[in-house]
All heavy atoms as atom14 arrays in JSON, in Angstrom:
{
  "sequence": "RGTYTCQVTWRASNNSLITKEITTKMEVVKVAVTKP",
  "atom14_mask": [
    [1, 1, 1, 1, 1, 1, 1, 1, 1, 1, 1, 0, 0, 0],
    [1, 1, 1, 1, 0, 0, 0, 0, 0, 0, 0, 0, 0, 0],
    [1, 1, 1, 1, 1, 1, 1, 0, 0, 0, 0, 0, 0, 0],
    [1, 1, 1, 1, 1, 1, 1, 1, 1, 1, 1, 1, 0, 0],
    [1, 1, 1, 1, 1, 1, 1, 0, 0, 0, 0, 0, 0, 0],
    [1, 1, 1, 1, 1, 1, 0, 0, 0, 0, 0, 0, 0, 0],
    [1, 1, 1, 1, 1, 1, 1, 1, 1, 0, 0, 0, 0, 0],
    [1, 1, 1, 1, 1, 1, 1, 0, 0, 0, 0, 0, 0, 0],
    [1, 1, 1, 1, 1, 1, 1, 0, 0, 0, 0, 0, 0, 0],
    [1, 1, 1, 1, 1, 1, 1, 1, 1, 1, 1, 1, 1, 1],
    [1, 1, 1, 1, 1, 1, 1, 1, 1, 1, 1, 0, 0, 0],
    [1, 1, 1, 1, 1, 0, 0, 0, 0, 0, 0, 0, 0, 0],
    [1, 1, 1, 1, 1, 1, 0, 0, 0, 0, 0, 0, 0, 0],
    [1, 1, 1, 1, 1, 1, 1, 1, 0, 0, 0, 0, 0, 0],
    [1, 1, 1, 1, 1, 1, 1, 1, 0, 0, 0, 0, 0, 0],
    [1, 1, 1, 1, 1, 1, 0, 0, 0, 0, 0, 0, 0, 0],
    [1, 1, 1, 1, 1, 1, 1, 1, 0, 0, 0, 0, 0, 0],
    [1, 1, 1, 1, 1, 1, 1, 1, 0, 0, 0, 0, 0, 0],
    [1, 1, 1, 1, 1, 1, 1, 0, 0, 0, 0, 0, 0, 0],
    [1, 1, 1, 1, 1, 1, 1, 1, 1, 0, 0, 0, 0, 0],
    [1, 1, 1, 1, 1, 1, 1, 1, 1, 0, 0, 0, 0, 0],
    [1, 1, 1, 1, 1, 1, 1, 1, 0, 0, 0, 0, 0, 0],
    [1, 1, 1, 1, 1, 1, 1, 0, 0, 0, 0, 0, 0, 0],
    [1, 1, 1, 1, 1, 1, 1, 0, 0, 0, 0, 0, 0, 0],
    [1, 1, 1, 1, 1, 1, 1, 1, 1, 0, 0, 0, 0, 0],
    [1, 1, 1, 1, 1, 1, 1, 1, 0, 0, 0, 0, 0, 0],
    [1, 1, 1, 1, 1, 1, 1, 1, 1, 0, 0, 0, 0, 0],
    [1, 1, 1, 1, 1, 1, 1, 0, 0, 0, 0, 0, 0, 0],
    [1, 1, 1, 1, 1, 1, 1, 0, 0, 0, 0, 0, 0, 0],
    [1, 1, 1, 1, 1, 1, 1, 1, 1, 0, 0, 0, 0, 0],
    [1, 1, 1, 1, 1, 1, 1, 0, 0, 0, 0, 0, 0, 0],
    [1, 1, 1, 1, 1, 0, 0, 0, 0, 0, 0, 0, 0, 0],
    [1, 1, 1, 1, 1, 1, 1, 0, 0, 0, 0, 0, 0, 0],
    [1, 1, 1, 1, 1, 1, 1, 0, 0, 0, 0, 0, 0, 0],
    [1, 1, 1, 1, 1, 1, 1, 1, 1, 0, 0, 0, 0, 0],
    [1, 1, 1, 1, 1, 1, 1, 0, 0, 0, 0, 0, 0, 0]
  ],
  "atom14_positions": [
    [[-7.67, -1.37, 9.82], [-6.9, -2.59, 9.55], [-7.45, -3.27, 8.31], [-8.65, -3.21, 8.02], [-6.91, -3.53, 10.76], [-8.23, -4.19, 11.03], [-8.07, -5.25, 12.11], [-9.3, -5.97, 12.26], [-10.2, -5.73, 13.2], [-9.99, -4.78, 14.09], [-11.31, -6.43, 13.27], [0.0, 0.0, 0.0], [0.0, 0.0, 0.0], [0.0, 0.0, 0.0]],
    [[-6.54, -3.89, 7.54], [-6.97, -4.54, 6.31], [-5.77, -4.77, 5.4], [-4.62, -4.63, 5.81], [0.0, 0.0, 0.0], [0.0, 0.0, 0.0], [0.0, 0.0, 0.0], [0.0, 0.0, 0.0], [0.0, 0.0, 0.0], [0.0, 0.0, 0.0], [0.0, 0.0, 0.0], [0.0, 0.0, 0.0], [0.0, 0.0, 0.0], [0.0, 0.0, 0.0]],
    [[-6.07, -5.12, 4.14], [-5.03, -5.38, 3.15], [-5.03, -4.24, 2.15], [-6.05, -3.96, 1.51], [-5.29, -6.73, 2.45], [-5.35, -7.74, 3.47], [-4.18, -7.06, 1.48], [0.0, 0.0, 0.0], [0.0, 0.0, 0.0], [0.0, 0.0, 0.0], [0.0, 0.0, 0.0], [0.0, 0.0, 0.0], [0.0, 0.0, 0.0], [0.0, 0.0, 0.0]],
    [[-3.89, -3.57, 2.04], [-3.75, -2.38, 1.19], [-2.93, -2.74, -0.05], [-1.92, -3.43, 0.06], [-3.05, -1.26, 1.96], [-3.91, -0.66, 3.05], [-4.13, -1.34, 4.25], [-4.52, 0.58, 2.88], [-4.93, -0.8, 5.25], [-5.32, 1.13, 3.87], [-5.52, 0.43, 5.06], [-6.32, 0.97, 6.04], [0.0, 0.0, 0.0], [0.0, 0.0, 0.0]],
    [[-3.37, -2.27, -1.2], [-2.65, -2.54, -2.45], [-2.24, -1.22, -3.1], [-3.06, -0.32, -3.3], [-3.51, -3.35, -3.43], [-3.88, -4.58, -2.8], [-2.75, -3.66, -4.72], [0.0, 0.0, 0.0], [0.0, 0.0, 0.0], [0.0, 0.0, 0.0], [0.0, 0.0, 0.0], [0.0, 0.0, 0.0], [0.0, 0.0, 0.0], [0.0, 0.0, 0.0]],
    [[-0.94, -1.14, -3.4], [-0.37, 0.0, -4.11], [-0.17, -0.44, -5.56], [0.51, -1.43, -5.83], [0.98, 0.34, -3.47], [2.02, 1.5, -4.38], [0.0, 0.0, 0.0], [0.0, 0.0, 0.0], [0.0, 0.0, 0.0], [0.0, 0.0, 0.0], [0.0, 0.0, 0.0], [0.0, 0.0, 0.0], [0.0, 0.0, 0.0], [0.0, 0.0, 0.0]],
    [[-0.8, 0.28, -6.5], [-0.69, -0.09, -7.92], [-0.24, 1.12, -8.73], [-0.82, 2.21, -8.61], [-2.03, -0.59, -8.46], [-1.92, -1.09, -9.9], [-3.3, -1.42, -10.48], [-4.07, -0.52, -10.81], [-3.58, -2.71, -10.6], [0.0, 0.0, 0.0], [0.0, 0.0, 0.0], [0.0, 0.0, 0.0], [0.0, 0.0, 0.0], [0.0, 0.0, 0.0]],
    [[0.81, 0.93, -9.52], [1.35, 2.01, -10.34], [1.34, 1.58, -11.81], [1.69, 0.45, -12.13], [2.79, 2.38, -9.91], [3.34, 3.52, -10.77], [2.85, 2.76, -8.44], [0.0, 0.0, 0.0], [0.0, 0.0, 0.0], [0.0, 0.0, 0.0], [0.0, 0.0, 0.0], [0.0, 0.0, 0.0], [0.0, 0.0, 0.0], [0.0, 0.0, 0.0]],
    [[0.91, 2.5, -12.67], [0.98, 2.27, -14.12], [1.89, 3.34, -14.73], [1.75, 4.53, -14.42], [-0.42, 2.35, -14.76], [-1.24, 1.35, -14.15], [-0.37, 2.12, -16.26], [0.0, 0.0, 0.0], [0.0, 0.0, 0.0], [0.0, 0.0, 0.0], [0.0, 0.0, 0.0], [0.0, 0.0, 0.0], [0.0, 0.0, 0.0], [0.0, 0.0, 0.0]],
    [[2.83, 2.88, -15.58], [3.74, 3.8, -16.28], [3.46, 3.73, -17.77], [3.07, 2.69, -18.29], [5.2, 3.39, -16.06], [5.68, 3.43, -14.65], [6.27, 4.46, -14.01], [5.67, 2.34, -13.71], [6.6, 4.1, -12.72], [6.25, 2.8, -12.51], [5.2, 1.02, -13.76], [6.39, 2.0, -11.38], [5.33, 0.22, -12.62], [5.91, 0.7, -11.45]],
    [[3.71, 4.87, -18.45], [3.63, 4.9, -19.92], [5.06, 4.98, -20.46], [5.82, 5.84, -20.04], [2.8, 6.08, -20.41], [2.63, 6.13, -21.93], [1.74, 7.29, -22.38], [0.37, 7.16, -21.89], [-0.55, 6.37, -22.45], [-0.24, 5.63, -23.49], [-1.78, 6.32, -21.96], [0.0, 0.0, 0.0], [0.0, 0.0, 0.0], [0.0, 0.0, 0.0]],
    [[5.39, 4.07, -21.36], [6.73, 4.06, -21.97], [6.77, 5.05, -23.14], [5.72, 5.51, -23.61], [7.06, 2.65, -22.45], [0.0, 0.0, 0.0], [0.0, 0.0, 0.0], [0.0, 0.0, 0.0], [0.0, 0.0, 0.0], [0.0, 0.0, 0.0], [0.0, 0.0, 0.0], [0.0, 0.0, 0.0], [0.0, 0.0, 0.0], [0.0, 0.0, 0.0]],
    [[7.98, 5.35, -23.62], [8.11, 6.31, -24.73], [7.41, 5.8, -26.0], [7.01, 6.59, -26.85], [9.59, 6.62, -24.99], [10.31, 5.41, -25.09], [0.0, 0.0, 0.0], [0.0, 0.0, 0.0], [0.0, 0.0, 0.0], [0.0, 0.0, 0.0], [0.0, 0.0, 0.0], [0.0, 0.0, 0.0], [0.0, 0.0, 0.0], [0.0, 0.0, 0.0]],
    [[7.21, 4.48, -26.13], [6.5, 3.95, -27.3], [4.99, 3.83, -27.03], [4.26, 3.15, -27.77], [7.08, 2.57, -27.7], [6.82, 1.51, -26.64], [6.19, 1.78, -25.61], [7.33, 0.31, -26.89], [0.0, 0.0, 0.0], [0.0, 0.0, 0.0], [0.0, 0.0, 0.0], [0.0, 0.0, 0.0], [0.0, 0.0, 0.0], [0.0, 0.0, 0.0]],
    [[4.53, 4.49, -25.91], [3.12, 4.53, -25.52], [2.57, 3.23, -24.94], [1.37, 3.15, -24.65], [2.22, 5.01, -26.67], [2.1, 6.53, -26.65], [2.41, 7.15, -25.63], [1.7, 7.1, -27.75], [0.0, 0.0, 0.0], [0.0, 0.0, 0.0], [0.0, 0.0, 0.0], [0.0, 0.0, 0.0], [0.0, 0.0, 0.0], [0.0, 0.0, 0.0]],
    [[3.4, 2.2, -24.76], [2.9, 0.99, -24.12], [2.8, 1.26, -22.61], [3.46, 2.14, -22.08], [3.82, -0.19, -24.39], [5.08, 0.04, -23.78], [0.0, 0.0, 0.0], [0.0, 0.0, 0.0], [0.0, 0.0, 0.0], [0.0, 0.0, 0.0], [0.0, 0.0, 0.0], [0.0, 0.0, 0.0], [0.0, 0.0, 0.0], [0.0, 0.0, 0.0]],
    [[1.96, 0.49, -21.92], [1.74, 0.68, -20.49], [2.28, -0.53, -19.71], [2.18, -1.66, -20.16], [0.24, 0.83, -20.19], [-0.45, 2.05, -20.8], [-1.94, 2.01, -20.52], [0.13, 3.34, -20.25], [0.0, 0.0, 0.0], [0.0, 0.0, 0.0], [0.0, 0.0, 0.0], [0.0, 0.0, 0.0], [0.0, 0.0, 0.0], [0.0, 0.0, 0.0]],
    [[2.85, -0.23, -18.53], [3.31, -1.28, -17.62], [2.62, -1.02, -16.29], [2.6, 0.12, -15.8], [4.84, -1.23, -17.41], [5.57, -1.6, -18.69], [5.26, -2.15, -16.27], [7.08, -1.55, -18.52], [0.0, 0.0, 0.0], [0.0, 0.0, 0.0], [0.0, 0.0, 0.0], [0.0, 0.0, 0.0], [0.0, 0.0, 0.0], [0.0, 0.0, 0.0]],
    [[2.04, -2.07, -15.68], [1.39, -1.93, -14.37], [2.0, -2.93, -13.4], [2.2, -4.09, -13.75], [-0.13, -2.18, -14.5], [-0.67, -1.21, -15.4], [-0.83, -2.03, -13.16], [0.0, 0.0, 0.0], [0.0, 0.0, 0.0], [0.0, 0.0, 0.0], [0.0, 0.0, 0.0], [0.0, 0.0, 0.0], [0.0, 0.0, 0.0], [0.0, 0.0, 0.0]],
    [[2.3, -2.44, -12.19], [2.82, -3.32, -11.12], [2.06, -3.0, -9.85], [1.57, -1.88, -9.67], [4.32, -3.06, -10.87], [5.22, -3.31, -12.07], [5.81, -4.72, -12.05], [6.67, -5.0, -13.26], [8.08, -4.97, -12.99], [0.0, 0.0, 0.0], [0.0, 0.0, 0.0], [0.0, 0.0, 0.0], [0.0, 0.0, 0.0], [0.0, 0.0, 0.0]],
    [[2.0, -3.98, -8.94], [1.35, -3.72, -7.65], [2.0, -4.53, -6.54], [2.62, -5.57, -6.8], [-0.15, -4.01, -7.71], [-0.55, -5.42, -7.98], [-2.08, -5.59, -8.0], [-2.79, -4.77, -8.59], [-2.54, -6.59, -7.4], [0.0, 0.0, 0.0], [0.0, 0.0, 0.0], [0.0, 0.0, 0.0], [0.0, 0.0, 0.0], [0.0, 0.0, 0.0]],
    [[1.88, -4.02, -5.31], [2.29, -4.78, -4.12], [1.19, -4.65, -3.08], [0.43, -3.68, -3.09], [3.64, -4.33, -3.52], [3.59, -2.87, -3.08], [4.8, -4.61, -4.42], [4.7, -2.5, -2.11], [0.0, 0.0, 0.0], [0.0, 0.0, 0.0], [0.0, 0.0, 0.0], [0.0, 0.0, 0.0], [0.0, 0.0, 0.0], [0.0, 0.0, 0.0]],
    [[1.14, -5.62, -2.19], [0.1, -5.66, -1.16], [0.74, -5.7, 0.21], [1.73, -6.4, 0.43], [-0.78, -6.92, -1.39], [-1.38, -6.79, -2.67], [-1.86, -7.03, -0.35], [0.0, 0.0, 0.0], [0.0, 0.0, 0.0], [0.0, 0.0, 0.0], [0.0, 0.0, 0.0], [0.0, 0.0, 0.0], [0.0, 0.0, 0.0], [0.0, 0.0, 0.0]],
    [[0.19, -4.92, 1.13], [0.66, -4.86, 2.51], [-0.53, -5.05, 3.44], [-1.54, -4.37, 3.29], [1.32, -3.5, 2.82], [2.39, -3.28, 1.9], [1.86, -3.44, 4.24], [0.0, 0.0, 0.0], [0.0, 0.0, 0.0], [0.0, 0.0, 0.0], [0.0, 0.0, 0.0], [0.0, 0.0, 0.0], [0.0, 0.0, 0.0], [0.0, 0.0, 0.0]],
    [[-0.37, -5.96, 4.4], [-1.43, -6.18, 5.39], [-1.12, -5.32, 6.61], [0.01, -5.32, 7.1], [-1.45, -7.66, 5.78], [-2.59, -8.03, 6.68], [-2.65, -9.54, 6.89], [-3.88, -9.87, 7.68], [-3.65, -10.72, 8.81], [0.0, 0.0, 0.0], [0.0, 0.0, 0.0], [0.0, 0.0, 0.0], [0.0, 0.0, 0.0], [0.0, 0.0, 0.0]],
    [[-2.13, -4.56, 7.07], [-1.91, -3.7, 8.23], [-2.83, -4.09, 9.38], [-4.02, -4.25, 9.19], [-2.14, -2.22, 7.91], [-1.9, -1.34, 9.13], [-1.9, 0.42, 8.82], [-3.64, 0.72, 8.55], [0.0, 0.0, 0.0], [0.0, 0.0, 0.0], [0.0, 0.0, 0.0], [0.0, 0.0, 0.0], [0.0, 0.0, 0.0], [0.0, 0.0, 0.0]],
    [[-2.22, -4.25, 10.56], [-2.96, -4.44, 11.81], [-2.91, -3.12, 12.58], [-1.93, -2.4, 12.51], [-2.3, -5.51, 12.67], [-2.78, -6.92, 12.44], [-4.29, -7.1, 12.55], [-4.92, -6.5, 13.44], [-4.84, -7.83, 11.72], [0.0, 0.0, 0.0], [0.0, 0.0, 0.0], [0.0, 0.0, 0.0], [0.0, 0.0, 0.0], [0.0, 0.0, 0.0]],
    [[-3.97, -2.8, 13.29], [-3.98, -1.6, 14.14], [-4.09, -2.1, 15.58], [-5.03, -2.83, 15.92], [-5.15, -0.66, 13.8], [-5.16, 0.54, 14.73], [-5.03, -0.19, 12.34], [0.0, 0.0, 0.0], [0.0, 0.0, 0.0], [0.0, 0.0, 0.0], [0.0, 0.0, 0.0], [0.0, 0.0, 0.0], [0.0, 0.0, 0.0], [0.0, 0.0, 0.0]],
    [[-3.1, -1.76, 16.4], [-3.08, -2.24, 17.78], [-3.34, -1.09, 18.76], [-2.93, 0.04, 18.52], [-1.74, -2.95, 18.14], [-1.59, -4.23, 17.36], [-0.56, -2.04, 17.9], [0.0, 0.0, 0.0], [0.0, 0.0, 0.0], [0.0, 0.0, 0.0], [0.0, 0.0, 0.0], [0.0, 0.0, 0.0], [0.0, 0.0, 0.0], [0.0, 0.0, 0.0]],
    [[-4.05, -1.44, 19.81], [-4.29, -0.46, 20.88], [-3.26, -0.7, 21.96], [-2.93, -1.84, 22.26], [-5.69, -0.66, 21.47], [-6.81, -0.07, 20.66], [-8.11, -0.15, 21.44], [-9.2, 0.63, 20.74], [-10.44, 0.68, 21.52], [0.0, 0.0, 0.0], [0.0, 0.0, 0.0], [0.0, 0.0, 0.0], [0.0, 0.0, 0.0], [0.0, 0.0, 0.0]],
    [[-2.75, 0.38, 22.53], [-1.82, 0.22, 23.65], [-2.58, 0.55, 24.93], [-3.52, 1.33, 24.9], [-0.58, 1.15, 23.53], [0.37, 0.64, 22.48], [-0.98, 2.57, 23.23], [0.0, 0.0, 0.0], [0.0, 0.0, 0.0], [0.0, 0.0, 0.0], [0.0, 0.0, 0.0], [0.0, 0.0, 0.0], [0.0, 0.0, 0.0], [0.0, 0.0, 0.0]],
    [[-2.15, -0.07, 26.01], [-2.76, 0.25, 27.3], [-2.52, 1.73, 27.58], [-1.42, 2.24, 27.36], [-2.14, -0.59, 28.39], [0.0, 0.0, 0.0], [0.0, 0.0, 0.0], [0.0, 0.0, 0.0], [0.0, 0.0, 0.0], [0.0, 0.0, 0.0], [0.0, 0.0, 0.0], [0.0, 0.0, 0.0], [0.0, 0.0, 0.0], [0.0, 0.0, 0.0]],
    [[-3.56, 2.41, 28.05], [-3.43, 3.85, 28.31], [-2.74, 4.04, 29.66], [-3.16, 3.46, 30.66], [-4.82, 4.52, 28.29], [-4.71, 5.99, 28.64], [-5.45, 4.35, 26.92], [0.0, 0.0, 0.0], [0.0, 0.0, 0.0], [0.0, 0.0, 0.0], [0.0, 0.0, 0.0], [0.0, 0.0, 0.0], [0.0, 0.0, 0.0], [0.0, 0.0, 0.0]],
    [[-1.66, 4.82, 29.66], [-0.94, 5.09, 30.9], [-0.7, 6.59, 31.03], [-0.47, 7.28, 30.04], [0.42, 4.37, 30.92], [1.16, 4.75, 29.75], [0.27, 2.86, 30.95], [0.0, 0.0, 0.0], [0.0, 0.0, 0.0], [0.0, 0.0, 0.0], [0.0, 0.0, 0.0], [0.0, 0.0, 0.0], [0.0, 0.0, 0.0], [0.0, 0.0, 0.0]],
    [[-0.76, 7.07, 32.27], [-0.49, 8.48, 32.54], [0.98, 8.76, 32.25], [1.83, 7.88, 32.4], [-0.76, 8.8, 34.01], [-2.21, 8.9, 34.38], [-2.31, 9.27, 35.85], [-3.76, 9.44, 36.25], [-3.88, 9.72, 37.68], [0.0, 0.0, 0.0], [0.0, 0.0, 0.0], [0.0, 0.0, 0.0], [0.0, 0.0, 0.0], [0.0, 0.0, 0.0]],
    [[1.3, 10.02, 31.87], [2.71, 10.33, 31.67], [3.48, 10.29, 32.99], [2.94, 10.66, 34.02], [2.71, 11.76, 31.11], [1.3, 12.17, 30.97], [0.41, 11.15, 31.58], [0.0, 0.0, 0.0], [0.0, 0.0, 0.0], [0.0, 0.0, 0.0], [0.0, 0.0, 0.0], [0.0, 0.0, 0.0], [0.0, 0.0, 0.0], [0.0, 0.0, 0.0]]
  ]
}
């Protein structure tokens, strides 16, 4: 569990760079264990 960041950098045809990112928070939950 934690905060995850996805970051992508692109190169344009004129060699300039563009960078963007997004962040997603993830929780990990336990479920009660039950027999099938």
